C-alpha atoms as a PDB file:
ATOM      1  CA  MET A   1     108.222 103.917 111.570  1.00  0.00           C
ATOM      2  CA  ASN A   2     108.197 105.784 108.232  1.00  0.00           C
ATOM      3  CA  GLU A   3     111.001 103.596 106.931  1.00  0.00           C
ATOM      4  CA  LYS A   4     109.037 100.437 107.691  1.00  0.00           C
ATOM      5  CA  ILE A   5     105.867 101.841 106.137  1.00  0.00           C
ATOM      6  CA  PHE A   6     107.766 102.882 103.019  1.00  0.00           C
ATOM      7  CA  PHE A   7     109.542  99.512 102.864  1.00  0.00           C
ATOM      8  CA  HIS A   8     106.267  97.583 102.884  1.00  0.00           C
ATOM      9  CA  LEU A   9     104.540  99.967 100.491  1.00  0.00           C
ATOM     10  CA  SER A  10     107.374  99.488  97.996  1.00  0.00           C
ATOM     11  CA  ASN A  11     106.163  95.913  97.519  1.00  0.00           C
ATOM     12  CA  PRO A  12     103.114  96.021  95.222  1.00  0.00           C
ATOM     13  CA  VAL A  13     101.444  93.020  96.879  1.00  0.00           C
ATOM     14  CA  LYS A  14     101.933  94.378 100.395  1.00  0.00           C
ATOM     15  CA  ALA A  15     100.720  97.779  99.206  1.00  0.00           C
ATOM     16  CA  LYS A  16      97.486  96.167  97.969  1.00  0.00           C
ATOM     17  CA  LEU A  17      97.019  94.411 101.317  1.00  0.00           C
ATOM     18  CA  ILE A  18      97.641  97.622 103.270  1.00  0.00           C
ATOM     19  CA  LEU A  19      95.245  99.601 101.094  1.00  0.00           C
ATOM     20  CA  GLU A  20      92.552  96.924 101.451  1.00  0.00           C
ATOM     21  CA  ILE A  21      92.935  96.901 105.240  1.00  0.00           C
ATOM     22  CA  GLN A  22      92.796 100.708 105.243  1.00  0.00           C
ATOM     23  CA  GLU A  23      89.599 100.608 103.193  1.00  0.00           C
ATOM     24  CA  GLN A  24      87.884  97.857 105.222  1.00  0.00           C
ATOM     25  CA  GLY A  25      89.051  99.017 108.662  1.00  0.00           C
ATOM     26  CA  GLN A  26      89.348  95.478 110.009  1.00  0.00           C
ATOM     27  CA  VAL A  27      89.954  92.191 108.207  1.00  0.00           C
ATOM     28  CA  THR A  28      90.878  88.567 108.744  1.00  0.00           C
ATOM     29  CA  THR A  29      93.470  86.720 106.701  1.00  0.00           C
ATOM     30  CA  GLY A  30      90.568  84.683 105.319  1.00  0.00           C
ATOM     31  CA  GLN A  31      88.968  87.845 103.940  1.00  0.00           C
ATOM     32  CA  LEU A  32      92.285  88.921 102.414  1.00  0.00           C
ATOM     33  CA  THR A  33      92.773  85.458 100.902  1.00  0.00           C
ATOM     34  CA  GLU A  34      89.300  85.620  99.372  1.00  0.00           C
ATOM     35  CA  LYS A  35      89.811  89.131  97.984  1.00  0.00           C
ATOM     36  CA  PHE A  36      93.310  88.408  96.634  1.00  0.00           C
ATOM     37  CA  SER A  37      92.993  84.809  95.484  1.00  0.00           C
ATOM     38  CA  GLN A  38      95.916  85.276  93.079  1.00  0.00           C
ATOM     39  CA  ILE A  39      98.321  85.738  96.034  1.00  0.00           C
ATOM     40  CA  PRO A  40      99.582  82.377  97.300  1.00  0.00           C
ATOM     41  CA  GLN A  41      98.192  81.789 100.785  1.00  0.00           C
ATOM     42  CA  ALA A  42     101.622  81.154 102.305  1.00  0.00           C
ATOM     43  CA  THR A  43     102.894  84.452 100.876  1.00  0.00           C
ATOM     44  CA  LEU A  44      99.887  86.353 102.193  1.00  0.00           C
ATOM     45  CA  TYR A  45     100.305  84.880 105.694  1.00  0.00           C
ATOM     46  CA  ARG A  46     104.052  85.622 105.650  1.00  0.00           C
ATOM     47  CA  TYR A  47     103.415  89.237 104.619  1.00  0.00           C
ATOM     48  CA  VAL A  48     100.746  89.726 107.283  1.00  0.00           C
ATOM     49  CA  LYS A  49     103.067  88.274 109.946  1.00  0.00           C
ATOM     50  CA  LYS A  50     105.939  90.573 108.903  1.00  0.00           C
ATOM     51  CA  MET A  51     103.675  93.644 108.815  1.00  0.00           C
ATOM     52  CA  LEU A  52     102.398  92.696 112.288  1.00  0.00           C
ATOM     53  CA  THR A  53     105.967  92.316 113.583  1.00  0.00           C
ATOM     54  CA  ASP A  54     106.941  95.678 112.066  1.00  0.00           C
ATOM     55  CA  GLY A  55     103.963  97.437 113.659  1.00  0.00           C
ATOM     56  CA  LEU A  56     102.082  98.191 110.445  1.00  0.00           C
ATOM     57  CA  LEU A  57      99.273  95.901 111.571  1.00  0.00           C
ATOM     58  CA  LYS A  58      97.770  95.194 114.961  1.00  0.00           C
ATOM     59  CA  VAL A  59      95.446  92.491 116.217  1.00  0.00           C
ATOM     60  CA  VAL A  60      92.210  94.176 117.319  1.00  0.00           C
ATOM     61  CA  GLU A  61      90.242  91.039 118.157  1.00  0.00           C
ATOM     62  CA  GLU A  62      90.659  87.298 118.476  1.00  0.00           C
ATOM     63  CA  ARG A  63      87.745  84.884 118.227  1.00  0.00           C
ATOM     64  CA  PRO A  64      87.526  81.103 118.337  1.00  0.00           C
ATOM     65  CA  VAL A  65      86.678  79.450 115.025  1.00  0.00           C
ATOM     66  CA  ARG A  66      86.550  75.633 114.660  1.00  0.00           C
ATOM     67  CA  GLY A  67      89.148  74.855 117.300  1.00  0.00           C
ATOM     68  CA  THR A  68      91.543  77.654 116.364  1.00  0.00           C
ATOM     69  CA  VAL A  69      91.763  81.385 116.986  1.00  0.00           C
ATOM     70  CA  GLU A  70      90.953  83.770 114.160  1.00  0.00           C
ATOM     71  CA  LYS A  71      92.689  87.125 114.392  1.00  0.00           C
ATOM     72  CA  ILE A  72      91.169  90.343 113.152  1.00  0.00           C
ATOM     73  CA  TYR A  73      93.693  92.878 111.926  1.00  0.00           C
ATOM     74  CA  ALA A  74      93.666  96.646 111.519  1.00  0.00           C
ATOM     75  CA  LEU A  75      96.375  99.087 110.553  1.00  0.00           C
ATOM     76  CA  GLY A  76      98.803  99.811 113.369  1.00  0.00           C
ATOM     77  CA  PHE A  77      99.383 103.333 112.096  1.00  0.00           C
ATOM     78  CA  ASP A  78      97.246 106.075 110.654  1.00  0.00           C
ATOM     79  CA  PHE A  79      97.968 105.848 106.933  1.00  0.00           C
ATOM     80  CA  ILE A  80      96.475 109.229 106.135  1.00  0.00           C
ATOM     81  CA  ASP A  81      98.067 111.009 109.107  1.00  0.00           C
ATOM     82  CA  ASN A  82     101.456 109.586 108.163  1.00  0.00           C
ATOM     83  CA  ASN A  83     101.195 111.081 104.669  1.00  0.00           C
ATOM     84  CA  LYS A  84      99.775 114.339 106.046  1.00  0.00           C
ATOM     85  CA  LYS A  85     102.739 114.576 108.418  1.00  0.00           C
ATOM     86  CA  VAL A  86     105.196 114.362 105.525  1.00  0.00           C
ATOM     87  CA  ILE A  87     103.227 117.045 103.679  1.00  0.00           C
ATOM     88  CA  GLU A  88     102.735 119.329 106.712  1.00  0.00           C
ATOM     89  CA  GLU A  89     106.395 119.134 107.652  1.00  0.00           C
ATOM     90  CA  ASN A  90     107.334 119.688 103.999  1.00  0.00           C
ATOM     91  CA  ASP A  91     109.867 116.942 104.642  1.00  0.00           C
ATOM     92  CA  GLY A  92     111.786 116.671 101.379  1.00  0.00           C
ATOM     93  CA  ASN A  93     113.860 113.707 102.568  1.00  0.00           C
ATOM     94  CA  ALA A  94     110.795 111.674 103.583  1.00  0.00           C
ATOM     95  CA  TYR A  95     109.087 112.634 100.327  1.00  0.00           C
ATOM     96  CA  PHE A  96     112.123 111.503  98.325  1.00  0.00           C
ATOM     97  CA  GLN A  97     112.197 108.245 100.288  1.00  0.00           C
ATOM     98  CA  MET A  98     108.514 107.690  99.514  1.00  0.00           C
ATOM     99  CA  ALA A  99     109.123 108.353  95.804  1.00  0.00           C
ATOM    100  CA  THR A 100     112.196 106.096  95.718  1.00  0.00           C
ATOM    101  CA  LEU A 101     110.401 103.157  97.299  1.00  0.00           C
ATOM    102  CA  TYR A 102     107.407 103.718  95.039  1.00  0.00           C
ATOM    103  CA  MET A 103     109.692 103.557  91.993  1.00  0.00           C
ATOM    104  CA  LEU A 104     111.486 100.476  93.341  1.00  0.00           C
ATOM    105  CA  GLY A 105     108.146  98.725  93.677  1.00  0.00           C
ATOM    106  CA  ILE A 106     107.324  99.497  90.059  1.00  0.00           C
ATOM    107  CA  LEU A 107     110.798  98.459  88.889  1.00  0.00           C
ATOM    108  CA  THR A 108     110.432  95.183  90.786  1.00  0.00           C
ATOM    109  CA  GLU A 109     107.242  94.434  88.857  1.00  0.00           C
ATOM    110  CA  PHE A 110     108.949  95.161  85.532  1.00  0.00           C
ATOM    111  CA  LYS A 111     111.967  93.035  86.515  1.00  0.00           C
ATOM    112  CA  GLU A 112     109.766  90.081  87.499  1.00  0.00           C
ATOM    113  CA  TYR A 113     107.868  90.415  84.218  1.00  0.00           C
ATOM    114  CA  ALA A 114     111.055  90.718  82.135  1.00  0.00           C
ATOM    115  CA  ASP A 115     112.476  87.577  83.775  1.00  0.00           C
ATOM    116  CA  ARG A 116     109.508  85.444  82.646  1.00  0.00           C
ATOM    117  CA  THR A 117     109.678  83.329  79.551  1.00  0.00           C
ATOM    118  CA  ASN A 118     107.253  83.914  76.690  1.00  0.00           C
ATOM    119  CA  ILE A 119     106.286  87.483  77.575  1.00  0.00           C
ATOM    120  CA  ASP A 120     103.957  89.326  75.223  1.00  0.00           C
ATOM    121  CA  LEU A 121     104.579  93.067  75.489  1.00  0.00           C
ATOM    122  CA  LEU A 122     101.654  94.067  73.279  1.00  0.00           C
ATOM    123  CA  GLY A 123      99.247  91.370  74.401  1.00  0.00           C
ATOM    124  CA  ASP A 124      99.950  91.980  78.081  1.00  0.00           C
ATOM    125  CA  CYS A 125      99.362  95.736  77.632  1.00  0.00           C
ATOM    126  CA  SER A 126     102.513  96.543  79.548  1.00  0.00           C
ATOM    127  CA  GLY A 127     104.202  99.821  78.901  1.00  0.00           C
ATOM    128  CA  PHE A 128     104.972 103.305  80.063  1.00  0.00           C
ATOM    129  CA  SER A 129     104.957 106.785  78.662  1.00  0.00           C
ATOM    130  CA  HIS A 130     106.140 110.258  79.451  1.00  0.00           C
ATOM    131  CA  VAL A 131     103.994 113.245  78.542  1.00  0.00           C
ATOM    132  CA  PRO A 132     105.348 116.694  79.416  1.00  0.00           C
ATOM    133  CA  VAL A 133     102.534 119.189  80.006  1.00  0.00           C
ATOM    134  CA  TYR A 134     102.224 122.814  80.995  1.00  0.00           C
ATOM    135  CA  ALA A 135      99.360 123.158  83.460  1.00  0.00           C
ATOM    136  CA  THR A 136      98.228 125.233  86.379  1.00  0.00           C
ATOM    137  CA  THR A 137      97.673 123.482  89.676  1.00  0.00           C
ATOM    138  CA  GLU A 138      93.934 123.710  89.074  1.00  0.00           C
ATOM    139  CA  GLU A 139      94.183 122.221  85.570  1.00  0.00           C
ATOM    140  CA  LEU A 140      96.368 119.374  86.794  1.00  0.00           C
ATOM    141  CA  THR A 141      94.070 118.649  89.745  1.00  0.00           C
ATOM    142  CA  GLU A 142      91.033 118.595  87.452  1.00  0.00           C
ATOM    143  CA  THR A 143      92.774 116.205  85.057  1.00  0.00           C
ATOM    144  CA  LEU A 144      93.835 113.856  87.862  1.00  0.00           C
ATOM    145  CA  MET A 145      90.254 113.788  89.177  1.00  0.00           C
ATOM    146  CA  LYS A 146      89.011 112.821  85.707  1.00  0.00           C
ATOM    147  CA  ILE A 147      91.570 110.007  85.570  1.00  0.00           C
ATOM    148  CA  LYS A 148      90.377 108.835  88.997  1.00  0.00           C
ATOM    149  CA  ASP A 149      86.779 108.786  87.722  1.00  0.00           C
ATOM    150  CA  VAL A 150      87.787 106.724  84.688  1.00  0.00           C
ATOM    151  CA  LEU A 151      89.648 104.186  86.860  1.00  0.00           C
ATOM    152  CA  SER A 152      86.997 103.888  89.584  1.00  0.00           C
ATOM    153  CA  PRO A 153      84.991 101.065  87.910  1.00  0.00           C
ATOM    154  CA  LEU A 154      88.146  98.930  87.533  1.00  0.00           C
ATOM    155  CA  ILE A 155      89.215  99.236  91.169  1.00  0.00           C
ATOM    156  CA  ASN A 156      86.406  97.020  92.468  1.00  0.00           C
ATOM    157  CA  ASN A 157      86.725  94.317  89.801  1.00  0.00           C
ATOM    158  CA  THR A 158      87.363  90.837  91.138  1.00  0.00           C
ATOM    159  CA  PRO A 159      89.816  88.363  89.599  1.00  0.00           C
ATOM    160  CA  GLY A 160      88.559  85.765  87.194  1.00  0.00           C
ATOM    161  CA  GLY A 161      88.146  84.927  83.548  1.00  0.00           C
ATOM    162  CA  GLU A 162      90.305  87.206  81.435  1.00  0.00           C
ATOM    163  CA  ARG A 163      90.980  89.605  84.326  1.00  0.00           C
ATOM    164  CA  ARG A 164      94.554  89.692  85.545  1.00  0.00           C
ATOM    165  CA  LEU A 165      96.046  91.868  88.246  1.00  0.00           C
ATOM    166  CA  ARG A 166      97.785  94.953  86.885  1.00  0.00           C
ATOM    167  CA  ASN A 167      98.935  98.193  88.470  1.00  0.00           C
ATOM    168  CA  LEU A 168      98.284 101.512  86.780  1.00  0.00           C
ATOM    169  CA  CYS A 169     100.816 103.965  88.135  1.00  0.00           C
ATOM    170  CA  ILE A 170     100.275 107.665  87.661  1.00  0.00           C
ATOM    171  CA  ILE A 171     103.200 109.848  88.567  1.00  0.00           C
ATOM    172  CA  THR A 172     103.100 113.616  88.698  1.00  0.00           C
ATOM    173  CA  THR A 173     106.592 115.003  88.993  1.00  0.00           C
ATOM    174  CA  PRO A 174     107.336 118.196  90.891  1.00  0.00           C
ATOM    175  CA  PRO A 175     107.404 121.280  88.637  1.00  0.00           C
ATOM    176  CA  LYS A 176     110.638 122.197  86.911  1.00  0.00           C
ATOM    177  CA  LYS A 177     112.325 125.437  87.923  1.00  0.00           C
END
Protein backbone atom coordinates (compact mmCIF):
# COMPACT_ATOMS: atom_id res chain seq x y z
CA MET A 1 0.00 0.00 0.00
CA ASN A 2 2.88 2.40 0.75
CA GLU A 3 3.96 2.32 -2.88
CA LYS A 4 0.50 3.34 -4.05
CA ILE A 5 0.26 6.10 -1.45
CA PHE A 6 3.68 7.41 -2.42
CA PHE A 7 2.83 7.17 -6.13
CA HIS A 8 -0.30 9.30 -5.74
CA LEU A 9 1.36 11.77 -3.39
CA SER A 10 4.12 12.34 -5.96
CA ASN A 11 1.52 14.03 -8.16
CA PRO A 12 0.98 17.56 -6.81
CA VAL A 13 -2.69 17.66 -7.83
CA LYS A 14 -3.47 14.28 -6.28
CA ALA A 15 -1.55 15.31 -3.17
CA LYS A 16 -3.78 18.39 -2.83
CA LEU A 17 -6.90 16.22 -3.20
CA ILE A 18 -5.66 13.71 -0.61
CA LEU A 19 -4.76 16.45 1.85
CA GLU A 20 -8.16 18.12 1.40
CA ILE A 21 -9.97 14.82 1.99
CA GLN A 22 -7.79 14.21 5.05
CA GLU A 23 -8.68 17.66 6.38
CA GLN A 24 -12.43 17.44 5.66
CA GLY A 25 -12.87 13.78 6.65
CA GLN A 26 -15.52 13.15 4.00
CA VAL A 27 -16.15 14.88 0.67
CA THR A 28 -18.03 14.58 -2.59
CA THR A 29 -16.48 15.15 -5.99
CA GLY A 30 -18.70 18.24 -6.20
CA GLN A 31 -17.04 19.68 -3.10
CA LEU A 32 -13.59 18.91 -4.51
CA THR A 33 -14.55 20.49 -7.84
CA GLU A 34 -15.72 23.62 -6.04
CA LYS A 35 -12.59 23.85 -3.88
CA PHE A 36 -10.19 23.16 -6.78
CA SER A 37 -11.91 24.91 -9.67
CA GLN A 38 -8.59 25.18 -11.53
CA ILE A 39 -8.45 21.37 -11.91
CA PRO A 40 -10.36 20.24 -15.00
CA GLN A 41 -13.41 18.27 -13.89
CA ALA A 42 -12.54 15.26 -16.05
CA THR A 43 -9.05 15.13 -14.51
CA LEU A 44 -10.43 15.37 -10.99
CA TYR A 45 -12.93 12.55 -11.62
CA ARG A 46 -10.21 10.39 -13.22
CA TYR A 47 -7.90 10.94 -10.24
CA VAL A 48 -10.63 10.14 -7.73
CA LYS A 49 -11.53 6.95 -9.63
CA LYS A 50 -7.88 5.82 -9.72
CA MET A 51 -7.36 6.58 -6.02
CA LEU A 52 -10.55 4.62 -5.26
CA THR A 53 -9.33 1.67 -7.35
CA ASP A 54 -5.93 1.77 -5.61
CA GLY A 55 -7.53 1.79 -2.15
CA LEU A 56 -6.49 5.32 -1.17
CA LEU A 57 -10.14 6.35 -1.09
CA LYS A 58 -13.28 4.53 -0.03
CA VAL A 59 -16.95 5.27 -0.52
CA VAL A 60 -18.48 5.85 2.92
CA GLU A 61 -21.98 6.81 1.79
CA GLU A 62 -24.12 6.98 -1.32
CA ARG A 63 -27.17 9.22 -1.58
CA PRO A 64 -29.61 9.93 -4.39
CA VAL A 65 -29.33 13.39 -5.92
CA ARG A 66 -31.48 14.44 -8.92
CA GLY A 67 -31.80 11.00 -10.46
CA THR A 68 -28.19 9.95 -9.86
CA VAL A 69 -26.18 8.65 -6.92
CA GLU A 70 -23.73 10.98 -5.20
CA LYS A 71 -20.82 9.23 -3.53
CA ILE A 72 -19.16 10.51 -0.40
CA TYR A 73 -15.48 9.67 -0.14
CA ALA A 74 -13.04 9.34 2.74
CA LEU A 75 -9.44 8.20 2.87
CA GLY A 76 -9.06 4.44 2.64
CA PHE A 77 -5.94 4.53 4.79
CA ASP A 78 -4.82 6.39 7.86
CA PHE A 79 -2.53 9.07 6.45
CA ILE A 80 -0.99 9.94 9.79
CA ASP A 81 -0.57 6.32 10.92
CA ASN A 82 1.13 5.49 7.63
CA ASN A 83 3.73 8.21 8.18
CA LYS A 84 4.07 7.29 11.87
CA LYS A 85 4.73 3.68 10.85
CA VAL A 86 7.62 4.73 8.62
CA ILE A 87 9.02 6.84 11.46
CA GLU A 88 8.46 4.23 14.20
CA GLU A 89 10.04 1.48 12.13
CA ASN A 90 12.89 3.85 11.22
CA ASP A 91 12.43 2.42 7.74
CA GLY A 92 15.17 4.08 5.70
CA ASN A 93 14.02 2.50 2.43
CA ALA A 94 10.43 3.72 2.84
CA TYR A 95 11.71 7.14 3.87
CA PHE A 96 13.93 7.31 0.78
CA GLN A 97 10.99 6.25 -1.39
CA MET A 98 8.86 9.00 0.14
CA ALA A 99 11.61 11.58 -0.50
CA THR A 100 12.16 10.36 -4.07
CA LEU A 101 8.49 10.59 -4.99
CA TYR A 102 8.23 13.98 -3.31
CA MET A 103 11.14 15.23 -5.43
CA LEU A 104 9.66 13.70 -8.59
CA GLY A 105 6.43 15.57 -7.95
CA ILE A 106 8.33 18.84 -7.66
CA LEU A 107 10.43 18.07 -10.75
CA THR A 108 7.25 17.31 -12.69
CA GLU A 109 5.92 20.77 -11.85
CA PHE A 110 9.15 22.42 -13.00
CA LYS A 111 9.18 20.34 -16.20
CA GLU A 112 5.57 21.27 -17.02
CA TYR A 113 6.39 24.93 -16.38
CA ALA A 114 9.59 24.83 -18.45
CA ASP A 115 7.70 23.27 -21.38
CA ARG A 116 5.26 26.20 -21.57
CA THR A 117 5.76 29.01 -24.01
CA ASN A 118 6.18 32.57 -22.77
CA ILE A 119 7.24 31.75 -19.22
CA ASP A 120 8.20 34.62 -16.94
CA LEU A 121 10.65 33.39 -14.30
CA LEU A 122 10.67 36.62 -12.31
CA GLY A 123 7.02 37.51 -12.78
CA ASP A 124 5.84 34.01 -11.90
CA CYS A 125 7.96 34.03 -8.71
CA SER A 126 9.31 30.59 -9.49
CA GLY A 127 12.62 29.60 -8.04
CA PHE A 128 14.53 27.61 -5.50
CA SER A 129 17.34 28.14 -3.07
CA HIS A 130 19.69 26.23 -0.86
CA VAL A 131 20.66 27.61 2.53
CA PRO A 132 23.06 25.54 4.64
CA VAL A 133 22.53 26.16 8.36
CA TYR A 134 23.97 24.87 11.60
CA ALA A 135 21.14 24.37 14.07
CA THR A 136 20.13 22.24 16.99
CA THR A 137 17.00 20.17 16.66
CA GLU A 138 15.21 22.68 18.88
CA GLU A 139 16.34 25.66 16.80
CA LEU A 140 15.31 23.97 13.57
CA THR A 141 11.92 22.96 14.98
CA GLU A 142 11.29 26.51 16.20
CA THR A 143 12.20 27.93 12.79
CA LEU A 144 9.94 25.48 10.95
CA MET A 145 7.04 26.39 13.26
CA LYS A 146 7.58 30.07 12.46
CA ILE A 147 7.52 29.28 8.74
CA LYS A 148 4.27 27.35 9.27
CA ASP A 149 2.76 30.38 11.04
CA VAL A 150 3.76 32.67 8.17
CA LEU A 151 2.21 30.33 5.58
CA SER A 152 -1.02 29.61 7.48
CA PRO A 153 -3.00 32.59 6.06
CA LEU A 154 -2.17 31.54 2.47
CA ILE A 155 -3.29 27.93 2.89
CA ASN A 156 -6.99 28.81 3.07
CA ASN A 157 -6.98 31.30 0.18
CA THR A 158 -9.38 30.48 -2.63
CA PRO A 159 -8.56 30.83 -6.33
CA GLY A 160 -9.57 33.94 -8.16
CA GLY A 161 -8.37 37.30 -9.38
CA GLU A 162 -4.58 37.43 -9.31
CA ARG A 163 -4.30 34.27 -7.19
CA ARG A 164 -2.75 31.29 -8.93
CA LEU A 165 -2.01 27.88 -7.49
CA ARG A 166 1.60 27.48 -6.38
CA ASN A 167 3.37 24.98 -4.16
CA LEU A 168 5.85 26.12 -1.55
CA CYS A 169 8.11 23.19 -0.80
CA ILE A 170 10.24 23.21 2.31
CA ILE A 171 12.81 20.47 2.52
CA THR A 172 14.91 19.75 5.56
CA THR A 173 17.68 17.34 4.69
CA PRO A 174 19.01 14.81 7.18
CA PRO A 175 22.09 16.06 9.06
CA LYS A 176 25.50 15.53 7.52
CA LYS A 177 27.90 13.20 9.31
